[in-house]
Protein backbone atom coordinates (compact mmCIF):
# COMPACT_ATOMS: atom_id res chain seq x y z
CA MET A 1 -1.24 -15.71 -24.31
CA THR A 2 -0.32 -12.19 -24.44
CA ASP A 3 -3.76 -11.52 -26.31
CA VAL A 4 -5.94 -13.00 -23.52
CA LEU A 5 -8.59 -10.55 -21.80
CA PHE A 6 -10.17 -11.70 -19.09
CA GLY A 7 -13.98 -10.84 -18.40
CA PRO A 8 -16.81 -10.19 -20.62
CA VAL A 9 -16.26 -7.77 -23.96
CA LEU A 10 -19.21 -5.69 -24.80
CA HIS A 11 -19.98 -4.93 -28.54
CA PRO A 12 -23.11 -3.01 -29.87
CA SER A 13 -25.75 -5.50 -29.85
CA GLU A 14 -24.10 -8.77 -27.82
CA THR A 15 -21.61 -9.67 -25.27
CA GLN A 16 -18.46 -11.95 -25.74
CA PHE A 17 -17.97 -14.19 -22.39
CA ARG A 18 -14.75 -15.98 -21.94
CA PHE A 19 -13.90 -18.40 -19.23
CA TRP A 20 -10.77 -20.55 -18.47
CA SER A 21 -11.42 -23.94 -16.99
CA PRO A 22 -8.75 -26.36 -17.88
CA LEU A 23 -9.73 -28.84 -15.41
CA HIS A 24 -13.11 -29.12 -17.17
CA PRO A 25 -14.05 -29.93 -20.73
CA HIS A 26 -17.47 -28.77 -20.56
CA ILE A 27 -18.80 -25.37 -19.06
CA GLN A 28 -22.40 -23.61 -18.99
CA LEU A 29 -22.78 -20.15 -19.03
CA HIS A 30 -26.06 -19.05 -17.10
CA ILE A 31 -27.54 -15.73 -17.61
CA ASP A 32 -30.07 -14.68 -14.89
CA GLY A 33 -33.50 -15.09 -15.96
CA GLU A 34 -32.27 -17.82 -18.75
CA LYS A 35 -31.78 -21.08 -19.37
CA PRO A 36 -27.92 -22.28 -19.10
CA ILE A 37 -26.05 -22.30 -22.34
CA ASP A 38 -23.12 -24.70 -23.32
CA MET A 39 -20.28 -22.54 -23.99
CA GLN A 40 -18.10 -23.51 -27.03
CA VAL A 41 -14.41 -24.80 -26.36
CA ARG A 42 -11.42 -22.74 -27.88
CA GLY A 43 -8.60 -24.78 -26.74
CA HIS A 44 -5.90 -24.35 -23.93
CA GLY A 45 -8.79 -24.53 -21.37
CA TRP A 46 -10.74 -21.47 -22.59
CA HIS A 47 -14.82 -21.62 -23.11
CA GLU A 48 -16.37 -18.77 -25.04
CA SER A 49 -19.95 -17.63 -25.65
CA VAL A 50 -21.58 -15.07 -27.61
CA VAL A 51 -24.71 -13.94 -26.20
CA PRO A 52 -26.95 -11.49 -28.52
CA GLY A 53 -28.84 -9.02 -26.40
CA ALA A 54 -26.49 -9.18 -23.25
CA GLY A 55 -25.40 -6.05 -22.28
CA VAL A 56 -24.77 -3.39 -19.70
CA GLY A 57 -26.54 -4.72 -16.34
CA THR A 58 -26.72 -8.25 -17.42
CA ARG A 59 -26.06 -10.93 -14.66
CA TYR A 60 -24.37 -13.82 -15.27
CA SER A 61 -22.36 -16.75 -13.77
CA PHE A 62 -20.63 -20.22 -14.94
CA ILE A 63 -21.78 -23.83 -13.92
CA LEU A 64 -19.29 -26.30 -13.50
CA PRO A 65 -19.92 -30.08 -14.57
CA ASP A 66 -20.41 -30.96 -11.14
CA GLY A 67 -23.39 -28.23 -10.86
CA LEU A 68 -21.22 -25.75 -8.97
CA THR A 69 -21.93 -22.17 -10.18
CA VAL A 70 -19.31 -19.61 -9.86
CA PRO A 71 -18.87 -15.98 -10.53
CA ASP A 72 -16.51 -14.72 -13.36
CA PRO A 73 -13.07 -14.60 -11.62
CA ALA A 74 -12.45 -11.19 -13.81
CA SER A 75 -15.92 -9.94 -12.87
CA ARG A 76 -16.29 -6.01 -12.92
CA HIS A 77 -18.69 -5.63 -10.28
CA GLN A 78 -20.17 -8.14 -7.82
CA PRO A 79 -23.62 -6.59 -6.74
CA GLU A 80 -24.55 -9.32 -4.49
CA ASP A 81 -20.84 -10.11 -2.99
CA VAL A 82 -18.51 -12.82 -3.83
CA HIS A 83 -20.61 -15.62 -4.22
CA GLY A 84 -23.45 -13.93 -6.18
CA PRO A 85 -23.64 -13.48 -10.25
CA SER A 86 -21.41 -11.29 -12.11
CA GLU A 87 -22.17 -7.91 -13.46
CA VAL A 88 -21.76 -6.81 -16.89
CA VAL A 89 -20.27 -2.97 -16.76
CA ASP A 90 -19.16 -0.77 -19.82
CA LEU A 91 -16.05 0.86 -18.16
CA GLU A 92 -15.69 2.76 -21.49
CA ALA A 93 -19.12 4.45 -20.76
CA TYR A 94 -17.52 6.84 -18.05
CA ARG A 95 -16.55 10.29 -19.54
CA TRP A 96 -13.19 11.08 -17.88
CA ARG A 97 -13.09 15.08 -16.95
CA HIS A 98 -9.24 15.26 -16.68
CA PRO A 99 -8.19 12.80 -19.56
CA ASP A 100 -4.87 14.51 -19.98
CA TRP A 101 -3.66 14.10 -16.57
CA GLN A 102 -0.01 12.80 -16.54
CA GLY A 103 0.70 12.57 -12.98
CA ARG A 104 3.22 13.50 -10.61
CA PRO A 105 7.12 12.86 -10.94
CA VAL A 106 8.42 10.84 -7.77
CA GLU A 107 10.18 13.71 -6.02
CA GLU A 108 6.64 15.27 -5.23
CA LEU A 109 4.87 12.56 -3.77
CA VAL A 110 3.71 13.02 -0.01
CA VAL A 111 1.43 9.65 0.26
CA TYR A 112 -1.87 9.44 2.31
CA GLU A 113 -2.78 5.98 3.21
CA MET A 114 -6.50 5.25 3.53
CA HIS A 115 -9.02 2.50 4.12
CA ILE A 116 -12.24 3.63 2.08
CA GLY A 117 -14.70 1.76 4.55
CA THR A 118 -13.36 3.51 7.29
CA PHE A 119 -12.20 6.95 6.07
CA THR A 120 -15.46 8.44 6.20
CA PRO A 121 -19.01 7.03 8.24
CA GLU A 122 -20.28 6.17 5.17
CA GLY A 123 -17.30 4.24 4.06
CA THR A 124 -17.86 4.59 0.19
CA PHE A 125 -15.79 5.80 -2.70
CA ARG A 126 -17.97 8.78 -3.09
CA ALA A 127 -17.94 10.11 0.61
CA ALA A 128 -14.17 9.76 -0.05
CA LEU A 129 -14.26 12.28 -2.43
CA GLU A 130 -16.01 14.91 -0.47
CA LYS A 131 -12.66 15.00 1.81
CA LEU A 132 -10.32 15.54 -1.30
CA ASP A 133 -10.13 19.12 -0.27
CA HIS A 134 -8.87 18.49 3.26
CA LEU A 135 -6.03 16.51 1.65
CA ALA A 136 -4.97 18.86 -1.09
CA ASP A 137 -5.17 21.59 1.38
CA LEU A 138 -2.69 19.68 3.92
CA GLY A 139 -0.36 19.05 1.13
CA VAL A 140 -0.85 15.57 0.31
CA THR A 141 -0.02 14.75 -3.37
CA ALA A 142 -0.82 11.01 -3.64
CA LEU A 143 -3.31 8.79 -2.17
CA GLN A 144 -2.76 5.16 -1.36
CA ILE A 145 -6.21 3.34 -1.23
CA MET A 146 -5.89 -0.12 0.79
CA PRO A 147 -7.20 -3.03 -1.26
CA ILE A 148 -10.43 -2.79 -2.93
CA SER A 149 -10.70 -6.21 -4.69
CA ASP A 150 -14.42 -7.59 -3.99
CA PHE A 151 -14.02 -9.85 -0.40
CA PRO A 152 -16.62 -11.57 1.34
CA GLY A 153 -18.79 -9.74 3.61
CA GLY A 154 -19.39 -6.26 4.75
CA TYR A 155 -15.96 -5.10 6.05
CA ASN A 156 -12.51 -6.29 5.66
CA TRP A 157 -8.92 -4.69 5.49
CA GLY A 158 -8.89 -5.93 1.79
CA TYR A 159 -6.05 -8.26 2.03
CA ASP A 160 -8.66 -11.37 1.74
CA GLY A 161 -9.84 -10.05 -1.82
CA VAL A 162 -10.74 -12.94 -4.03
CA MET A 163 -12.10 -11.08 -7.50
CA PRO A 164 -8.85 -9.02 -8.28
CA TYR A 165 -10.80 -7.04 -11.18
CA ALA A 166 -14.08 -6.07 -9.14
CA PRO A 167 -14.27 -2.95 -6.87
CA ASP A 168 -15.97 -4.07 -3.63
CA SER A 169 -19.67 -3.50 -3.98
CA SER A 170 -19.81 -2.17 -0.22
CA TYR A 171 -17.80 0.83 -1.59
CA GLY A 172 -19.86 1.47 -4.39
CA ARG A 173 -19.79 0.82 -7.98
CA PRO A 174 -16.69 1.12 -10.69
CA GLU A 175 -18.23 3.95 -11.82
CA ASP A 176 -17.97 5.79 -8.45
CA LEU A 177 -14.23 4.68 -7.91
CA MET A 178 -13.45 6.57 -11.49
CA ALA A 179 -15.20 9.65 -10.25
CA LEU A 180 -13.14 9.60 -6.89
CA ILE A 181 -9.85 9.28 -9.01
CA ASP A 182 -11.08 11.95 -11.43
CA ALA A 183 -11.88 14.34 -8.83
CA ALA A 184 -8.59 13.36 -7.13
CA HIS A 185 -6.66 14.39 -10.74
CA GLU A 186 -8.70 17.54 -10.94
CA ARG A 187 -7.16 18.62 -7.53
CA GLY A 188 -3.59 17.49 -8.53
CA LEU A 189 -3.86 14.28 -6.47
CA CYS A 190 -2.28 11.08 -7.61
CA VAL A 191 -4.32 7.67 -6.73
CA LEU A 192 -2.14 4.64 -5.96
CA LEU A 193 -3.81 1.43 -5.47
CA ASP A 194 -2.64 -1.57 -2.96
CA VAL A 195 -2.75 -4.76 -4.54
CA VAL A 196 -2.52 -8.23 -3.42
CA TYR A 197 -0.83 -10.99 -5.74
CA ASN A 198 0.85 -13.29 -3.21
CA HIS A 199 -2.58 -15.17 -2.00
CA PHE A 200 -6.34 -15.17 -2.28
CA GLY A 201 -8.67 -14.57 0.61
CA PRO A 202 -10.05 -17.80 2.11
CA ASP A 203 -13.82 -17.23 1.33
CA GLY A 204 -15.06 -17.01 -2.31
CA ASN A 205 -12.01 -17.89 -4.06
CA TYR A 206 -13.53 -20.69 -6.48
CA LEU A 207 -10.53 -20.75 -8.91
CA PRO A 208 -8.95 -23.95 -7.54
CA ALA A 209 -12.21 -25.72 -8.22
CA TYR A 210 -11.62 -25.32 -12.12
CA ALA A 211 -7.68 -23.99 -12.50
CA PRO A 212 -4.40 -24.88 -11.56
CA ILE A 213 -4.09 -21.80 -9.70
CA PHE A 214 -2.35 -22.93 -6.66
CA THR A 215 1.30 -24.95 -6.65
CA GLU A 216 2.59 -27.44 -4.00
CA HIS A 217 6.30 -26.00 -5.24
CA HIS A 218 5.96 -22.91 -3.36
CA LYS A 219 4.96 -22.40 0.34
CA THR A 220 3.73 -18.97 1.64
CA PRO A 221 2.28 -17.83 5.07
CA TRP A 222 -0.97 -18.50 3.23
CA GLY A 223 -0.62 -22.12 2.15
CA ASN A 224 0.51 -23.06 -1.13
CA GLY A 225 1.76 -20.18 -3.26
CA ILE A 226 0.26 -18.90 -6.38
CA ASN A 227 1.24 -20.88 -9.60
CA TYR A 228 3.21 -18.49 -11.40
CA ASP A 229 5.79 -20.88 -13.08
CA GLY A 230 4.52 -24.20 -13.10
CA ASP A 231 2.33 -26.12 -15.47
CA ALA A 232 -0.23 -23.93 -17.26
CA SER A 233 0.93 -21.02 -15.55
CA LYS A 234 1.13 -18.81 -18.26
CA PRO A 235 -2.64 -17.79 -18.12
CA VAL A 236 -2.20 -17.25 -14.31
CA ARG A 237 0.56 -14.84 -14.99
CA GLU A 238 -1.62 -13.15 -17.34
CA PHE A 239 -4.47 -12.87 -15.00
CA VAL A 240 -2.45 -10.87 -12.63
CA ILE A 241 -0.19 -8.95 -14.95
CA GLN A 242 -3.29 -7.74 -17.06
CA ASN A 243 -5.16 -6.95 -13.57
CA ALA A 244 -2.56 -4.34 -12.73
CA ILE A 245 -2.41 -3.07 -16.38
CA TYR A 246 -6.33 -2.80 -15.94
CA TRP A 247 -5.93 -0.58 -12.87
CA VAL A 248 -3.48 1.65 -14.59
CA ARG A 249 -5.35 1.77 -17.89
CA ASN A 250 -8.92 1.37 -17.09
CA PHE A 251 -9.03 3.37 -13.96
CA ARG A 252 -6.43 5.53 -14.82
CA PHE A 253 -4.59 4.66 -11.16
CA ASP A 254 -1.13 6.50 -10.85
CA GLY A 255 0.63 3.69 -9.55
CA LEU A 256 0.17 0.36 -7.34
CA ARG A 257 1.61 -0.97 -4.03
CA LEU A 258 2.35 -4.60 -4.20
CA ASP A 259 1.77 -6.06 -0.80
CA ALA A 260 4.50 -8.61 0.66
CA VAL A 261 6.25 -9.29 -2.76
CA HIS A 262 8.66 -11.42 -0.67
CA ALA A 263 5.95 -14.15 -0.88
CA ILE A 264 5.53 -14.13 -4.64
CA LYS A 265 7.77 -16.89 -5.74
CA ASP A 266 8.67 -17.51 -9.25
CA ASP A 267 11.26 -19.62 -10.89
CA ARG A 268 10.60 -18.62 -14.36
CA GLY A 269 13.71 -16.64 -16.37
CA GLU A 270 11.95 -13.21 -16.04
CA HIS A 271 10.22 -13.36 -12.49
CA LEU A 272 6.58 -12.13 -12.15
CA LEU A 273 7.66 -8.81 -10.53
CA HIS A 274 9.96 -7.75 -13.32
CA GLU A 275 7.37 -8.92 -16.25
CA LEU A 276 4.66 -6.99 -14.45
CA ALA A 277 6.70 -3.96 -13.81
CA ARG A 278 7.77 -3.59 -17.32
CA ARG A 279 4.36 -4.16 -18.98
CA VAL A 280 2.84 -1.93 -16.80
CA ARG A 281 5.17 0.86 -17.59
CA GLU A 282 4.76 -0.10 -21.31
CA ALA A 283 1.15 0.24 -20.99
CA ALA A 284 1.24 3.65 -19.17
CA GLY A 285 2.96 5.27 -21.83
CA SER A 286 4.54 8.52 -21.15
CA ARG A 287 2.30 9.02 -17.57
CA HIS A 288 3.98 8.96 -14.29
CA VAL A 289 3.20 5.76 -12.90
CA HIS A 290 4.92 4.63 -9.67
CA LEU A 291 5.18 0.91 -8.73
CA VAL A 292 5.83 0.63 -4.82
CA VAL A 293 6.60 -2.66 -3.19
CA GLU A 294 6.18 -4.06 0.62
CA ASN A 295 9.09 -6.37 0.94
CA GLU A 296 10.30 -7.94 4.16
CA ASP A 297 13.65 -9.23 2.54
CA ASN A 298 14.94 -5.49 1.67
CA ASP A 299 15.98 -6.58 -1.72
CA SER A 300 17.30 -3.35 -3.18
CA ASP A 301 18.20 -4.88 -6.50
CA LEU A 302 13.99 -4.45 -7.09
CA LEU A 303 14.58 -0.76 -6.83
CA ARG A 304 17.74 -0.52 -9.20
CA ARG A 305 18.23 2.71 -11.04
CA ASP A 306 19.21 2.88 -14.73
CA ALA A 307 21.99 5.36 -16.04
CA GLU A 308 19.57 8.42 -16.13
CA GLY A 309 18.32 7.72 -12.38
CA ARG A 310 14.81 5.92 -13.60
CA PRO A 311 13.58 2.85 -11.82
CA VAL A 312 14.16 -0.07 -13.73
CA HIS A 313 11.50 -2.10 -11.79
CA PHE A 314 10.04 -0.48 -8.89
CA THR A 315 9.99 3.21 -7.97
CA ALA A 316 9.95 2.81 -4.17
CA GLN A 317 9.80 0.45 -1.11
CA TRP A 318 8.09 0.66 2.28
CA ASN A 319 10.91 1.59 4.50
CA ASP A 320 9.61 -0.50 7.55
CA ASP A 321 13.16 0.27 8.72
CA ILE A 322 12.95 3.90 9.30
CA HIS A 323 9.52 3.39 11.53
CA HIS A 324 10.86 0.87 13.58
CA VAL A 325 13.66 3.16 14.80
CA LEU A 326 11.51 6.07 14.83
CA HIS A 327 8.69 4.15 16.86
CA ILE A 328 11.41 3.00 19.24
CA ALA A 329 12.53 6.50 19.91
CA ALA A 330 8.99 7.88 20.61
CA THR A 331 7.56 5.06 22.42
CA GLY A 332 10.58 2.98 24.03
CA GLU A 333 8.94 -0.16 23.18
CA THR A 334 11.60 -2.89 22.25
CA PHE A 335 9.37 -6.17 22.11
CA GLY A 336 9.35 -8.23 19.17
CA TYR A 337 10.96 -7.02 15.81
CA TYR A 338 11.57 -3.72 17.64
CA LYS A 339 14.28 -5.65 19.71
CA ASP A 340 16.61 -5.82 16.77
CA TYR A 341 16.82 -1.96 16.34
CA ALA A 342 16.99 -0.81 19.91
CA ASP A 343 20.51 -1.30 20.39
CA ARG A 344 22.69 1.53 19.26
CA LEU A 345 19.39 3.12 18.11
CA THR A 346 21.03 6.51 17.05
CA GLN A 347 23.35 4.63 14.82
CA LYS A 348 20.59 2.98 13.33
CA THR A 349 18.27 5.81 12.88
CA GLY A 350 21.12 7.62 11.01
CA ARG A 351 21.76 4.57 8.78
CA ALA A 352 17.69 4.54 8.16
CA LEU A 353 17.55 8.14 7.14
CA ALA A 354 21.02 8.04 5.08
CA GLU A 355 20.88 4.49 3.16
CA GLY A 356 17.25 3.41 3.52
CA PHE A 357 17.83 -0.07 5.02
CA VAL A 358 19.09 -0.52 8.56
CA PHE A 359 19.73 -4.42 7.66
CA GLN A 360 21.82 -4.68 4.53
CA GLY A 361 23.22 -8.35 5.05
CA GLU A 362 23.28 -8.24 9.01
CA HIS A 363 21.48 -11.19 10.84
CA MET A 364 18.50 -10.42 12.34
CA ASP A 365 17.49 -12.03 15.62
CA TYR A 366 13.60 -12.08 15.37
CA ARG A 367 13.76 -13.37 11.74
CA GLY A 368 16.45 -15.94 12.74
CA GLU A 369 18.48 -15.03 9.27
CA THR A 370 20.10 -12.52 7.42
CA ARG A 371 18.17 -9.60 6.07
CA GLY A 372 18.55 -7.18 3.41
CA LYS A 373 21.04 -6.23 0.48
CA PRO A 374 23.28 -2.90 0.33
CA SER A 375 21.02 0.26 -0.05
CA GLY A 376 23.20 3.19 0.31
CA HIS A 377 23.82 3.65 -3.54
CA LEU A 378 19.76 4.25 -3.98
CA PRO A 379 18.46 7.86 -4.06
CA PRO A 380 16.27 8.71 -1.11
CA THR A 381 13.49 8.71 -3.46
CA ALA A 382 13.57 5.10 -3.41
CA PHE A 383 12.21 4.36 0.10
CA ILE A 384 8.73 5.58 1.53
CA SER A 385 8.93 6.56 5.21
CA PHE A 386 6.33 6.55 7.91
CA ILE A 387 5.61 6.58 11.47
CA GLN A 388 2.37 4.62 11.27
CA ASN A 389 0.56 2.68 8.94
CA HIS A 390 -2.12 0.12 8.79
CA ASP A 391 -0.03 -2.70 9.68
CA GLN A 392 1.83 -1.01 12.63
CA ILE A 393 -1.20 0.06 13.96
CA GLY A 394 -3.72 -2.89 13.11
CA ASN A 395 -0.84 -5.83 14.46
CA ARG A 396 -1.01 -4.13 17.98
CA ALA A 397 -3.13 -5.77 20.49
CA LEU A 398 -5.64 -3.10 20.68
CA GLY A 399 -4.87 -1.42 17.55
CA ASP A 400 -4.20 1.53 19.30
CA ARG A 401 -2.22 4.84 17.70
CA MET A 402 0.54 6.15 19.33
CA ILE A 403 -1.14 9.47 20.08
CA THR A 404 -3.50 7.91 22.72
CA SER A 405 -0.18 6.93 24.96
CA GLN A 406 2.72 8.86 23.88
CA PRO A 407 3.59 12.57 24.68
CA LEU A 408 2.78 15.23 21.99
CA GLU A 409 6.23 16.51 21.98
CA ALA A 410 7.97 13.27 20.83
CA LEU A 411 5.59 12.53 18.06
CA LYS A 412 6.06 15.81 16.93
CA ALA A 413 9.55 15.50 16.64
CA ILE A 414 9.36 12.23 14.54
CA ALA A 415 7.18 13.74 12.60
CA ALA A 416 9.46 16.65 11.75
CA VAL A 417 12.13 13.85 11.07
CA TYR A 418 10.19 11.89 8.44
CA LEU A 419 7.81 14.84 6.63
CA LEU A 420 11.28 16.61 5.74
CA SER A 421 13.37 14.06 4.97
CA PRO A 422 14.43 13.47 1.21
CA GLN A 423 12.65 10.03 1.47
CA LEU A 424 9.00 10.00 0.30
CA PRO A 425 6.72 10.75 3.53
CA MET A 426 3.71 8.34 3.67
CA LEU A 427 0.60 9.72 6.51
CA PHE A 428 -1.93 7.36 7.75
CA MET A 429 -5.32 8.73 7.84
CA GLY A 430 -6.34 10.81 10.36
CA GLU A 431 -2.56 11.20 11.61
CA GLU A 432 -2.40 14.52 10.75
CA TRP A 433 -4.98 15.86 13.30
CA GLY A 434 -3.88 13.38 16.06
CA ALA A 435 -7.14 10.92 15.57
CA THR A 436 -7.25 8.51 18.56
CA GLU A 437 -9.70 6.25 16.70
CA PRO A 438 -7.78 2.70 16.70
CA PHE A 439 -7.50 0.96 13.35
CA PRO A 440 -7.62 -2.94 14.69
CA PHE A 441 -7.73 -5.90 12.22
CA PHE A 442 -11.33 -6.64 11.21
CA CYS A 443 -12.97 -9.05 8.76
CA ASP A 444 -16.53 -10.58 7.98
CA PHE A 445 -16.46 -14.31 6.93
CA ASN A 446 -18.88 -17.20 8.02
CA GLU A 447 -18.78 -18.21 11.56
CA ASP A 448 -16.23 -21.09 10.84
CA LEU A 449 -13.91 -19.04 9.34
CA ASN A 450 -14.31 -16.37 12.15
CA GLU A 451 -13.50 -18.27 14.59
CA LYS A 452 -10.43 -19.47 12.50
CA VAL A 453 -9.40 -15.97 12.53
CA ARG A 454 -9.85 -15.21 16.16
CA ILE A 455 -7.34 -18.24 16.98
CA GLY A 456 -5.23 -17.63 14.17
CA ARG A 457 -4.40 -13.87 15.11
CA ARG A 458 -3.43 -15.08 18.47
CA LEU A 459 -1.13 -17.71 17.48
CA GLU A 460 0.45 -15.48 14.60
CA LEU A 461 1.28 -12.57 16.79
CA SER A 462 2.16 -14.39 20.07
CA ARG A 463 5.55 -13.06 20.09
CA LEU A 464 3.93 -9.45 20.56
CA PRO A 465 2.14 -8.21 23.90
CA GLY A 466 -1.03 -8.07 24.67
CA PHE A 467 -2.39 -10.88 22.40
CA ASP A 468 -2.89 -13.31 25.59
CA ALA A 469 -5.49 -11.06 26.82
CA ASP A 470 -8.94 -12.05 27.34
CA ASP A 471 -10.33 -8.60 26.49
CA LEU A 472 -8.85 -8.10 22.79
CA PRO A 473 -11.29 -6.54 20.47
CA ASP A 474 -12.85 -9.40 18.23
CA PRO A 475 -11.78 -9.12 14.84
CA THR A 476 -14.80 -10.49 13.15
CA ALA A 477 -17.23 -8.26 15.13
CA HIS A 478 -19.22 -5.27 13.49
CA GLY A 479 -18.26 -2.94 16.29
CA THR A 480 -14.67 -3.75 15.69
CA PHE A 481 -14.81 -2.13 12.25
CA GLU A 482 -17.01 0.73 13.44
CA SER A 483 -14.79 1.58 16.06
CA ALA A 484 -12.20 2.39 13.14
CA LYS A 485 -13.89 4.98 11.35
CA LEU A 486 -12.72 8.44 11.71
CA ASP A 487 -14.61 10.84 13.61
CA TRP A 488 -14.36 14.11 11.22
CA SER A 489 -16.40 16.08 13.96
CA LYS A 490 -13.22 16.19 16.07
CA LEU A 491 -11.28 18.01 13.46
CA SER A 492 -12.38 21.34 14.78
CA ALA A 493 -11.13 20.71 18.55
CA PRO A 494 -8.09 22.96 19.77
CA LYS A 495 -5.78 19.87 20.00
CA ALA A 496 -6.66 18.70 16.33
CA VAL A 497 -6.03 22.53 14.90
CA ASP A 498 -3.06 22.60 16.45
CA LEU A 499 -1.43 19.36 15.14
CA LEU A 500 -3.41 19.82 11.77
CA GLY A 501 -1.28 23.36 11.39
CA PHE A 502 1.85 21.74 12.57
CA TYR A 503 1.65 19.05 9.56
CA ARG A 504 0.33 21.56 6.93
CA SER A 505 3.29 23.90 8.09
CA LEU A 506 5.80 20.94 7.75
CA LEU A 507 4.14 19.93 4.10
CA ALA A 508 4.92 23.65 3.03
CA LEU A 509 8.21 23.56 3.78
CA ARG A 510 8.89 20.59 2.16
CA ARG A 511 7.29 21.37 -0.89
CA GLN A 512 9.36 24.75 -0.74
CA HIS A 513 12.72 23.51 0.12
CA VAL A 514 13.24 19.66 -0.07
CA THR A 515 11.18 18.72 -3.25
CA PRO A 516 12.90 20.97 -5.47
CA LEU A 517 16.47 19.61 -4.29
CA LEU A 518 15.01 15.78 -5.18
CA ALA A 519 14.52 16.05 -9.16
CA GLY A 520 17.87 14.67 -9.58
CA ALA A 521 18.47 12.36 -7.05
CA GLY A 522 18.10 9.27 -8.96
CA ALA A 523 20.57 10.30 -11.38
CA GLY A 524 23.11 10.70 -8.35
CA GLY A 525 22.48 7.68 -6.70
CA GLY A 526 22.87 7.71 -2.96
CA SER A 527 23.67 10.72 -1.04
CA GLY A 528 23.40 10.44 2.42
CA ARG A 529 25.73 10.06 5.59
CA PHE A 530 25.43 10.21 9.27
CA GLU A 531 27.28 10.32 12.47
CA VAL A 532 26.88 10.66 16.09
CA ASP A 533 27.24 14.28 17.10
CA GLY A 534 28.36 14.18 20.69
CA GLU A 535 25.15 11.96 21.77
CA CYS A 536 22.58 13.57 19.13
CA LEU A 537 22.17 12.50 15.72
CA PHE A 538 23.59 14.28 12.30
CA VAL A 539 22.40 13.45 8.88
CA GLU A 540 23.63 15.12 5.84
CA TRP A 541 22.46 14.54 2.22
CA GLN A 542 24.14 15.88 -0.93
CA LEU A 543 21.17 16.92 -3.19
CA SER A 544 21.39 19.51 -6.26
CA GLY A 545 24.47 21.33 -5.12
CA LYS A 546 23.15 21.65 -1.60
CA ARG A 547 23.67 19.82 1.64
CA LEU A 548 20.52 19.55 3.26
CA GLN A 549 21.29 18.62 7.14
CA LEU A 550 19.48 17.42 10.16
CA ARG A 551 20.40 17.53 13.53
CA ALA A 552 18.39 15.92 16.04
CA ASN A 553 17.91 14.68 19.70
CA LEU A 554 15.30 12.13 19.77
CA THR A 555 15.18 11.29 23.41
CA ALA A 556 13.51 12.60 26.44
CA LYS A 557 16.89 13.57 28.21
CA ALA A 558 18.94 16.60 27.22
CA CYS A 559 22.24 15.33 25.27
CA ARG A 560 25.20 16.95 24.48
CA VAL A 561 25.90 18.46 20.87
CA ALA A 562 29.41 19.07 19.51
CA GLN A 563 28.85 21.13 16.73
CA ALA A 564 26.50 24.36 15.79
CA THR A 565 24.27 24.30 12.77
CA SER A 566 25.37 25.42 9.65
CA GLY A 567 23.54 27.09 6.69
CA GLU A 568 20.35 28.35 6.47
CA VAL A 569 17.98 27.18 9.09
CA LEU A 570 14.70 25.68 7.82
CA TYR A 571 12.88 24.24 10.63
CA ARG A 572 13.83 24.27 14.33
CA LEU A 573 11.99 22.62 17.02
CA GLY A 574 12.76 23.04 20.54
CA ARG A 575 16.29 24.28 21.61
CA MET A 576 19.58 22.72 20.12
CA GLU A 577 22.46 24.83 20.91
CA PRO A 578 26.40 23.94 20.90
CA VAL A 579 27.12 21.93 24.19
CA GLU A 580 23.53 21.03 24.95
CA ALA A 581 20.21 19.80 23.02
CA ALA A 582 16.68 19.84 24.91
CA PRO A 583 14.72 16.71 24.79
CA TRP A 584 12.94 16.13 21.31
CA SER A 585 14.97 18.86 19.53
CA LEU A 586 16.10 19.00 16.22
CA VAL A 587 17.17 21.50 13.06
CA TRP A 588 16.97 20.91 9.42
CA SER A 589 19.31 23.38 7.72
CA LEU A 590 20.47 23.77 4.17
CA ALA A 591 24.12 24.48 3.25
CA ASP A 592 25.89 25.43 0.16
CA GLY A 593 27.91 22.81 -1.58
């Protein structure tokens, strides 16, 4: 089935419509304003109709034998949301202004996570385009856009998408997304897309009505797993793999971030994740395309490198472990999953920085099981580090950012650690100027589902503080969504100007001193070691014949430091001298050898 093409195919004077419905022998095609057409059966569950005169702008849907009308699961555009008809779009009509863009190598990535709907007041692709100069000037080199696959309602984090090929119409048309990516490339910015292949949202997913999309053989937090390895699973696999290729080839995304891959279950010989990575890289050719995973299992095998240091499957993983240790250092919070990291925090911080994962096969009480595999052999560019992201803010009871409750000197210290670390840094939108707007979870379903979400969020996160309060923001209310929109007018406030300058200067230092050392890091494998220096942390990475060193006191108390800083000082925050290091102080240095 590798020749399967999902979605309509445009020809000069006609359009070919295809629909996979193995559960029904007969399907009708309905073009808006016309009588339904009986589709021809092509075998293996496929139905097809070629319609003369149908072209760009044609709206269509499919009618099942029981009368249920459904949109195209591979629709390119849903102008009336997920329950309405699909629209034929000519994706080849867009004229790329920068068709020769080849992307950026992994060592140059400085990632900026954004949610299109709240990044600007307008919440559209076109409005986001107007902010690209700000990001380029900041020192960002890669945007990571939270999921955009069409979801029900007017607002959503994106993880409830049901139309994987259609950018959500509330953000604009497909051509608007192309214009955003094109403009990013003009400024030297890569664009990565967050994609969800572990589940479909609860509203608007019609696939089960006509295809064996789910299997009882595998379970996920959202119910039965997607059928990637059972009977009739081959078209299901193709649907997802071709979707990944579609984003990279048709929209020229520079990579994908795969959500919660630990929930993608597949017992076939070549796991879906391996096949997807292989085929996406084949389709990308010589372009730099980066495939990133979120993986609670910390399975370092997915990040394996070949003899030349190139990723065999995936480029990097979001490193939750480094977030957790730096978050505890800055906030003192030890509830929930943080508790497993609080004991011997300095050592665990060193391990996260030097080796990637803190838990590499050890027992984790919060999970009630062992977690992770050894990761010290991997290059630092196999990990994406951060101190905030959509999950770590949004899964707090109030969706509050650290800046609203923690001292600025603590936040600057942990920022200086992750922004200059040889791991790949990722900022969350607005972090660079200290935005105080919350980022709570939000969605827009029908009232029955809305009530289930309200109850479900409390139960799911009941082990975290605050979720038993009576004044929680309603995740389904429009006001909750509006509260998350960045207020760009605050960018000129003195505190915002100061913090923005701080971030900009650190990223300039990274670009000048750290990035050049990372080009050969993949071939050399792991390069980090750490120790506790007196009561402070010392981490050292061997990179391209240099030793990048960090000495840090990530506490609110002065601590004893046994050794002096060696080599050229790249950056100093606070006072750190032999015998004593001030609170929230650190030194980055570079030595020969």
